[in-house]
Amino acid sequence: MERHGMQMNHMHHGPHRPFWQSVFISSTHCGAGCALGDIIGEILLATSPFVIAGSGMFTSYVVDFVLAYVIGIAFQYFSIVPM
């Protein structure tokens, strides 16, 4: 960043990318985490008799959403932190 002709040094870990590439990378990391959360959720539900409110479908929605959300955010967070 330059301010009044003086260059300020910043520590960057990796190449400088255009904004659209950074958005694409963070979005794909989040999408990959969501897909992984859905897969893990379905495997957990297939191997356990866990039921919420007497409905297997509602249980699937809740478990898949929570895991997809948490893992998706984690994937996005850990891809952005080094930037």
C-alpha atoms as a PDB file:
ATOM      1  CA  MET A   1       0.000   0.000   0.000  1.00  0.00           C
ATOM      2  CA  GLU A   2       1.349   3.399  -0.863  1.00  0.00           C
ATOM      3  CA  ARG A   3       0.580   6.511   1.081  1.00  0.00           C
ATOM      4  CA  HIS A   4       1.936   9.880  -0.094  1.00  0.00           C
ATOM      5  CA  GLY A   5       4.800   8.348  -2.027  1.00  0.00           C
ATOM      6  CA  MET A   6       5.987   6.100   0.793  1.00  0.00           C
ATOM      7  CA  GLN A   7       5.690   2.366   0.428  1.00  0.00           C
ATOM      8  CA  MET A   8       4.471   0.444   3.447  1.00  0.00           C
ATOM      9  CA  ASN A   9       5.733  -3.097   3.833  1.00  0.00           C
ATOM     10  CA  HIS A  10       3.199  -5.816   4.546  1.00  0.00           C
ATOM     11  CA  MET A  11       3.837  -9.470   5.181  1.00  0.00           C
ATOM     12  CA  HIS A  12       2.022 -11.534   2.560  1.00  0.00           C
ATOM     13  CA  HIS A  13       1.988 -15.303   2.624  1.00  0.00           C
ATOM     14  CA  GLY A  14       1.717 -16.289  -1.000  1.00  0.00           C
ATOM     15  CA  PRO A  15       1.125 -14.526  -4.296  1.00  0.00           C
ATOM     16  CA  HIS A  16      -1.142 -11.502  -4.543  1.00  0.00           C
ATOM     17  CA  ARG A  17      -4.353 -12.554  -6.249  1.00  0.00           C
ATOM     18  CA  PRO A  18      -7.042 -10.482  -7.900  1.00  0.00           C
ATOM     19  CA  PHE A  19     -10.195 -10.049  -5.797  1.00  0.00           C
ATOM     20  CA  TRP A  20     -12.302 -12.391  -7.935  1.00  0.00           C
ATOM     21  CA  GLN A  21      -9.796 -15.218  -7.440  1.00  0.00           C
ATOM     22  CA  SER A  22      -9.823 -14.744  -3.663  1.00  0.00           C
ATOM     23  CA  VAL A  23     -13.626 -14.836  -3.678  1.00  0.00           C
ATOM     24  CA  PHE A  24     -13.615 -17.947  -5.876  1.00  0.00           C
ATOM     25  CA  ILE A  25     -11.130 -19.745  -3.612  1.00  0.00           C
ATOM     26  CA  SER A  26     -13.004 -18.926  -0.416  1.00  0.00           C
ATOM     27  CA  SER A  27     -16.345 -19.915  -2.001  1.00  0.00           C
ATOM     28  CA  THR A  28     -15.048 -23.252  -3.253  1.00  0.00           C
ATOM     29  CA  HIS A  29     -13.488 -23.997   0.136  1.00  0.00           C
ATOM     30  CA  CYS A  30     -16.831 -23.264   1.787  1.00  0.00           C
ATOM     31  CA  GLY A  31     -18.680 -25.412  -0.769  1.00  0.00           C
ATOM     32  CA  ALA A  32     -16.259 -28.280  -0.274  1.00  0.00           C
ATOM     33  CA  GLY A  33     -16.724 -28.075   3.481  1.00  0.00           C
ATOM     34  CA  CYS A  34     -20.519 -28.070   3.084  1.00  0.00           C
ATOM     35  CA  ALA A  35     -20.403 -31.127   0.825  1.00  0.00           C
ATOM     36  CA  LEU A  36     -18.092 -32.907   3.266  1.00  0.00           C
ATOM     37  CA  GLY A  37     -20.430 -32.035   6.158  1.00  0.00           C
ATOM     38  CA  ASP A  38     -23.396 -33.487   4.248  1.00  0.00           C
ATOM     39  CA  ILE A  39     -21.512 -36.698   3.505  1.00  0.00           C
ATOM     40  CA  ILE A  40     -20.310 -37.100   7.096  1.00  0.00           C
ATOM     41  CA  GLY A  41     -23.808 -36.360   8.392  1.00  0.00           C
ATOM     42  CA  GLU A  42     -25.433 -38.997   6.201  1.00  0.00           C
ATOM     43  CA  ILE A  43     -22.830 -41.604   7.187  1.00  0.00           C
ATOM     44  CA  LEU A  44     -23.357 -40.824  10.881  1.00  0.00           C
ATOM     45  CA  LEU A  45     -27.131 -41.059  10.527  1.00  0.00           C
ATOM     46  CA  ALA A  46     -26.944 -44.321   8.577  1.00  0.00           C
ATOM     47  CA  THR A  47     -24.868 -45.899  11.335  1.00  0.00           C
ATOM     48  CA  SER A  48     -26.812 -44.593  14.339  1.00  0.00           C
ATOM     49  CA  PRO A  49     -30.427 -44.791  15.487  1.00  0.00           C
ATOM     50  CA  PHE A  50     -30.493 -41.070  16.399  1.00  0.00           C
ATOM     51  CA  VAL A  51     -33.887 -39.373  15.809  1.00  0.00           C
ATOM     52  CA  ILE A  52     -35.099 -35.839  16.590  1.00  0.00           C
ATOM     53  CA  ALA A  53     -38.831 -35.270  17.252  1.00  0.00           C
ATOM     54  CA  GLY A  54     -39.664 -38.767  15.995  1.00  0.00           C
ATOM     55  CA  SER A  55     -38.720 -37.927  12.398  1.00  0.00           C
ATOM     56  CA  GLY A  56     -35.754 -39.350  10.541  1.00  0.00           C
ATOM     57  CA  MET A  57     -36.097 -36.722   7.796  1.00  0.00           C
ATOM     58  CA  PHE A  58     -36.043 -33.826  10.290  1.00  0.00           C
ATOM     59  CA  THR A  59     -33.026 -35.414  11.970  1.00  0.00           C
ATOM     60  CA  SER A  60     -31.262 -35.611   8.616  1.00  0.00           C
ATOM     61  CA  TYR A  61     -32.000 -31.940   7.893  1.00  0.00           C
ATOM     62  CA  VAL A  62     -30.713 -30.769  11.261  1.00  0.00           C
ATOM     63  CA  VAL A  63     -27.554 -32.903  11.349  1.00  0.00           C
ATOM     64  CA  ASP A  64     -26.656 -32.176   7.712  1.00  0.00           C
ATOM     65  CA  PHE A  65     -27.232 -28.440   8.129  1.00  0.00           C
ATOM     66  CA  VAL A  66     -25.195 -28.148  11.316  1.00  0.00           C
ATOM     67  CA  LEU A  67     -22.259 -30.197  10.009  1.00  0.00           C
ATOM     68  CA  ALA A  68     -22.299 -28.493   6.590  1.00  0.00           C
ATOM     69  CA  TYR A  69     -22.401 -25.068   8.205  1.00  0.00           C
ATOM     70  CA  VAL A  70     -19.635 -25.729  10.736  1.00  0.00           C
ATOM     71  CA  ILE A  71     -17.276 -27.555   8.356  1.00  0.00           C
ATOM     72  CA  GLY A  72     -17.971 -25.076   5.527  1.00  0.00           C
ATOM     73  CA  ILE A  73     -17.127 -22.104   7.748  1.00  0.00           C
ATOM     74  CA  ALA A  74     -14.018 -23.898   9.051  1.00  0.00           C
ATOM     75  CA  PHE A  75     -12.775 -24.625   5.514  1.00  0.00           C
ATOM     76  CA  GLN A  76     -13.368 -21.013   4.508  1.00  0.00           C
ATOM     77  CA  TYR A  77     -11.764 -19.636   7.675  1.00  0.00           C
ATOM     78  CA  PHE A  78      -8.604 -21.731   7.372  1.00  0.00           C
ATOM     79  CA  SER A  79      -8.187 -20.769   3.716  1.00  0.00           C
ATOM     80  CA  ILE A  80      -8.536 -17.032   4.475  1.00  0.00           C
ATOM     81  CA  VAL A  81      -6.360 -16.856   7.614  1.00  0.00           C
ATOM     82  CA  PRO A  82      -3.054 -17.337   5.734  1.00  0.00           C
ATOM     83  CA  MET A  83      -3.976 -14.514   3.339  1.00  0.00           C
END
